[in-house]
Amino acid sequence: MKKLVSLLMVGVLALSLAACAATGGKDKVRVKCPACGYEFDAPSQP
């Protein structure tokens, strides 16, 4: 039973990491200045 639970947790962790990696491919991020409201594209991180 303990092996089943740990295997299930590893599977959920792997799926969540794969989902994060799949959505992190955007090059430009839209940023809005909280003080003035100006919107601009932030440079991507290497």
PDB file of N, CA and C in Angstrom:
ATOM      1  N   MET A   1       0.823  -1.194   0.000  1.00  0.00           N
ATOM      2  CA  MET A   1       0.000   0.000   0.000  1.00  0.00           C
ATOM      3  C   MET A   1       0.866   1.257   0.000  1.00  0.00           C
ATOM      4  N   LYS A   2       1.969   1.223   0.759  1.00  0.00           N
ATOM      5  CA  LYS A   2       2.854   2.371   0.838  1.00  0.00           C
ATOM      6  C   LYS A   2       3.530   2.631  -0.516  1.00  0.00           C
ATOM      7  N   LYS A   3       3.872   1.553  -1.239  1.00  0.00           N
ATOM      8  CA  LYS A   3       4.478   1.708  -2.564  1.00  0.00           C
ATOM      9  C   LYS A   3       3.493   2.346  -3.539  1.00  0.00           C
ATOM     10  N   LEU A   4       2.248   1.952  -3.455  1.00  0.00           N
ATOM     11  CA  LEU A   4       1.225   2.493  -4.345  1.00  0.00           C
ATOM     12  C   LEU A   4       1.037   3.990  -4.128  1.00  0.00           C
ATOM     13  N   VAL A   5       0.993   4.413  -2.877  1.00  0.00           N
ATOM     14  CA  VAL A   5       0.811   5.829  -2.557  1.00  0.00           C
ATOM     15  C   VAL A   5       2.021   6.639  -3.016  1.00  0.00           C
ATOM     16  N   SER A   6       3.206   6.127  -2.774  1.00  0.00           N
ATOM     17  CA  SER A   6       4.405   6.857  -3.189  1.00  0.00           C
ATOM     18  C   SER A   6       4.523   6.905  -4.713  1.00  0.00           C
ATOM     19  N   LEU A   7       4.156   5.844  -5.392  1.00  0.00           N
ATOM     20  CA  LEU A   7       4.176   5.847  -6.854  1.00  0.00           C
ATOM     21  C   LEU A   7       3.163   6.838  -7.412  1.00  0.00           C
ATOM     22  N   LEU A   8       2.008   6.906  -6.802  1.00  0.00           N
ATOM     23  CA  LEU A   8       0.983   7.857  -7.215  1.00  0.00           C
ATOM     24  C   LEU A   8       1.447   9.298  -7.007  1.00  0.00           C
ATOM     25  N   MET A   9       2.099   9.560  -5.887  1.00  0.00           N
ATOM     26  CA  MET A   9       2.604  10.911  -5.616  1.00  0.00           C
ATOM     27  C   MET A   9       3.696  11.302  -6.599  1.00  0.00           C
ATOM     28  N   VAL A  10       4.560  10.378  -6.954  1.00  0.00           N
ATOM     29  CA  VAL A  10       5.608  10.658  -7.937  1.00  0.00           C
ATOM     30  C   VAL A  10       4.984  10.947  -9.304  1.00  0.00           C
ATOM     31  N   GLY A  11       3.949  10.213  -9.652  1.00  0.00           N
ATOM     32  CA  GLY A  11       3.264  10.451 -10.913  1.00  0.00           C
ATOM     33  C   GLY A  11       2.605  11.818 -10.977  1.00  0.00           C
ATOM     34  N   VAL A  12       1.968  12.219  -9.888  1.00  0.00           N
ATOM     35  CA  VAL A  12       1.332  13.541  -9.834  1.00  0.00           C
ATOM     36  C   VAL A  12       2.392  14.638  -9.912  1.00  0.00           C
ATOM     37  N   LEU A  13       3.504  14.450  -9.233  1.00  0.00           N
ATOM     38  CA  LEU A  13       4.590  15.420  -9.286  1.00  0.00           C
ATOM     39  C   LEU A  13       5.151  15.546 -10.701  1.00  0.00           C
ATOM     40  N   ALA A  14       5.342  14.436 -11.375  1.00  0.00           N
ATOM     41  CA  ALA A  14       5.858  14.459 -12.742  1.00  0.00           C
ATOM     42  C   ALA A  14       4.885  15.157 -13.690  1.00  0.00           C
ATOM     43  N   LEU A  15       3.595  14.903 -13.516  1.00  0.00           N
ATOM     44  CA  LEU A  15       2.605  15.566 -14.361  1.00  0.00           C
ATOM     45  C   LEU A  15       2.561  17.067 -14.115  1.00  0.00           C
ATOM     46  N   SER A  16       2.671  17.477 -12.870  1.00  0.00           N
ATOM     47  CA  SER A  16       2.640  18.907 -12.579  1.00  0.00           C
ATOM     48  C   SER A  16       3.879  19.610 -13.128  1.00  0.00           C
ATOM     49  N   LEU A  17       5.039  18.963 -13.046  1.00  0.00           N
ATOM     50  CA  LEU A  17       6.242  19.556 -13.614  1.00  0.00           C
ATOM     51  C   LEU A  17       6.158  19.633 -15.136  1.00  0.00           C
ATOM     52  N   ALA A  18       5.574  18.623 -15.761  1.00  0.00           N
ATOM     53  CA  ALA A  18       5.414  18.648 -17.217  1.00  0.00           C
ATOM     54  C   ALA A  18       4.445  19.747 -17.635  1.00  0.00           C
ATOM     55  N   ALA A  19       3.407  19.964 -16.860  1.00  0.00           N
ATOM     56  CA  ALA A  19       2.446  21.020 -17.168  1.00  0.00           C
ATOM     57  C   ALA A  19       3.097  22.391 -17.035  1.00  0.00           C
ATOM     58  N   CYS A  20       3.920  22.575 -16.033  1.00  0.00           N
ATOM     59  CA  CYS A  20       4.611  23.855 -15.863  1.00  0.00           C
ATOM     60  C   CYS A  20       5.606  24.091 -17.001  1.00  0.00           C
ATOM     61  N   ALA A  21       6.281  23.071 -17.429  1.00  0.00           N
ATOM     62  CA  ALA A  21       7.246  23.210 -18.504  1.00  0.00           C
ATOM     63  C   ALA A  21       6.553  23.504 -19.833  1.00  0.00           C
ATOM     64  N   ALA A  22       5.377  22.970 -20.036  1.00  0.00           N
ATOM     65  CA  ALA A  22       4.659  23.184 -21.285  1.00  0.00           C
ATOM     66  C   ALA A  22       4.117  24.599 -21.389  1.00  0.00           C
ATOM     67  N   THR A  23       3.758  25.222 -20.276  1.00  0.00           N
ATOM     68  CA  THR A  23       3.189  26.564 -20.324  1.00  0.00           C
ATOM     69  C   THR A  23       4.241  27.643 -20.203  1.00  0.00           C
ATOM     70  N   GLY A  24       5.476  27.304 -19.924  1.00  0.00           N
ATOM     71  CA  GLY A  24       6.525  28.310 -19.733  1.00  0.00           C
ATOM     72  C   GLY A  24       7.245  28.705 -21.002  1.00  0.00           C
ATOM     73  N   GLY A  25       6.700  28.460 -22.168  1.00  0.00           N
ATOM     74  CA  GLY A  25       7.386  28.736 -23.411  1.00  0.00           C
ATOM     75  C   GLY A  25       7.126  30.099 -24.016  1.00  0.00           C
ATOM     76  N   LYS A  26       6.422  30.976 -23.347  1.00  0.00           N
ATOM     77  CA  LYS A  26       6.147  32.292 -23.899  1.00  0.00           C
ATOM     78  C   LYS A  26       7.407  33.142 -23.846  1.00  0.00           C
ATOM     79  N   ASP A  27       7.689  33.861 -24.939  1.00  0.00           N
ATOM     80  CA  ASP A  27       8.877  34.699 -24.987  1.00  0.00           C
ATOM     81  C   ASP A  27       8.627  36.064 -24.352  1.00  0.00           C
ATOM     82  N   LYS A  28       7.455  36.637 -24.570  1.00  0.00           N
ATOM     83  CA  LYS A  28       7.175  37.970 -24.061  1.00  0.00           C
ATOM     84  C   LYS A  28       6.153  37.898 -22.936  1.00  0.00           C
ATOM     85  N   VAL A  29       6.416  38.689 -21.914  1.00  0.00           N
ATOM     86  CA  VAL A  29       5.512  38.777 -20.782  1.00  0.00           C
ATOM     87  C   VAL A  29       4.995  40.210 -20.727  1.00  0.00           C
ATOM     88  N   ARG A  30       3.675  40.358 -20.660  1.00  0.00           N
ATOM     89  CA  ARG A  30       3.058  41.676 -20.596  1.00  0.00           C
ATOM     90  C   ARG A  30       3.047  42.137 -19.142  1.00  0.00           C
ATOM     91  N   VAL A  31       3.619  43.322 -18.875  1.00  0.00           N
ATOM     92  CA  VAL A  31       3.733  43.855 -17.520  1.00  0.00           C
ATOM     93  C   VAL A  31       3.038  45.206 -17.465  1.00  0.00           C
ATOM     94  N   LYS A  32       2.323  45.454 -16.372  1.00  0.00           N
ATOM     95  CA  LYS A  32       1.649  46.728 -16.174  1.00  0.00           C
ATOM     96  C   LYS A  32       2.233  47.415 -14.947  1.00  0.00           C
ATOM     97  N   CYS A  33       2.630  48.673 -15.111  1.00  0.00           N
ATOM     98  CA  CYS A  33       3.186  49.446 -14.010  1.00  0.00           C
ATOM     99  C   CYS A  33       2.077  49.776 -13.017  1.00  0.00           C
ATOM    100  N   PRO A  34       2.256  49.438 -11.740  1.00  0.00           N
ATOM    101  CA  PRO A  34       1.198  49.722 -10.761  1.00  0.00           C
ATOM    102  C   PRO A  34       1.033  51.213 -10.472  1.00  0.00           C
ATOM    103  N   ALA A  35       2.065  52.013 -10.697  1.00  0.00           N
ATOM    104  CA  ALA A  35       1.992  53.438 -10.384  1.00  0.00           C
ATOM    105  C   ALA A  35       1.283  54.238 -11.475  1.00  0.00           C
ATOM    106  N   CYS A  36       1.672  54.017 -12.750  1.00  0.00           N
ATOM    107  CA  CYS A  36       1.123  54.844 -13.820  1.00  0.00           C
ATOM    108  C   CYS A  36       0.164  54.097 -14.743  1.00  0.00           C
ATOM    109  N   GLY A  37       0.186  52.756 -14.726  1.00  0.00           N
ATOM    110  CA  GLY A  37      -0.718  51.974 -15.561  1.00  0.00           C
ATOM    111  C   GLY A  37      -0.177  51.677 -16.951  1.00  0.00           C
ATOM    112  N   TYR A  38       1.071  52.082 -17.240  1.00  0.00           N
ATOM    113  CA  TYR A  38       1.671  51.828 -18.546  1.00  0.00           C
ATOM    114  C   TYR A  38       1.945  50.334 -18.710  1.00  0.00           C
ATOM    115  N   GLU A  39       1.590  49.766 -19.868  1.00  0.00           N
ATOM    116  CA  GLU A  39       1.825  48.347 -20.153  1.00  0.00           C
ATOM    117  C   GLU A  39       2.958  48.209 -21.156  1.00  0.00           C
ATOM    118  N   PHE A  40       3.835  47.238 -20.916  1.00  0.00           N
ATOM    119  CA  PHE A  40       4.959  47.006 -21.817  1.00  0.00           C
ATOM    120  C   PHE A  40       5.335  45.537 -21.778  1.00  0.00           C
ATOM    121  N   ASP A  41       6.131  45.119 -22.773  1.00  0.00           N
ATOM    122  CA  ASP A  41       6.621  43.739 -22.853  1.00  0.00           C
ATOM    123  C   ASP A  41       7.952  43.658 -22.117  1.00  0.00           C
ATOM    124  N   ALA A  42       8.032  42.802 -21.127  1.00  0.00           N
ATOM    125  CA  ALA A  42       9.268  42.607 -20.385  1.00  0.00           C
ATOM    126  C   ALA A  42      10.192  41.690 -21.179  1.00  0.00           C
ATOM    127  N   PRO A  43      11.490  41.916 -21.119  1.00  0.00           N
ATOM    128  CA  PRO A  43      12.419  41.028 -21.815  1.00  0.00           C
ATOM    129  C   PRO A  43      12.417  39.642 -21.197  1.00  0.00           C
ATOM    130  N   SER A  44      12.622  38.628 -22.034  1.00  0.00           N
ATOM    131  CA  SER A  44      12.633  37.252 -21.530  1.00  0.00           C
ATOM    132  C   SER A  44      13.934  36.948 -20.842  1.00  0.00           C
ATOM    133  N   GLN A  45      13.883  36.068 -19.851  1.00  0.00           N
ATOM    134  CA  GLN A  45      15.076  35.650 -19.114  1.00  0.00           C
ATOM    135  C   GLN A  45      15.740  34.496 -19.843  1.00  0.00           C
ATOM    136  N   PRO A  46      17.057  34.471 -19.918  1.00  0.00           N
ATOM    137  CA  PRO A  46      17.751  33.372 -20.613  1.00  0.00           C
ATOM    138  C   PRO A  46      17.677  32.068 -19.884  1.00  0.00           C
TER     139      PRO A  46
END
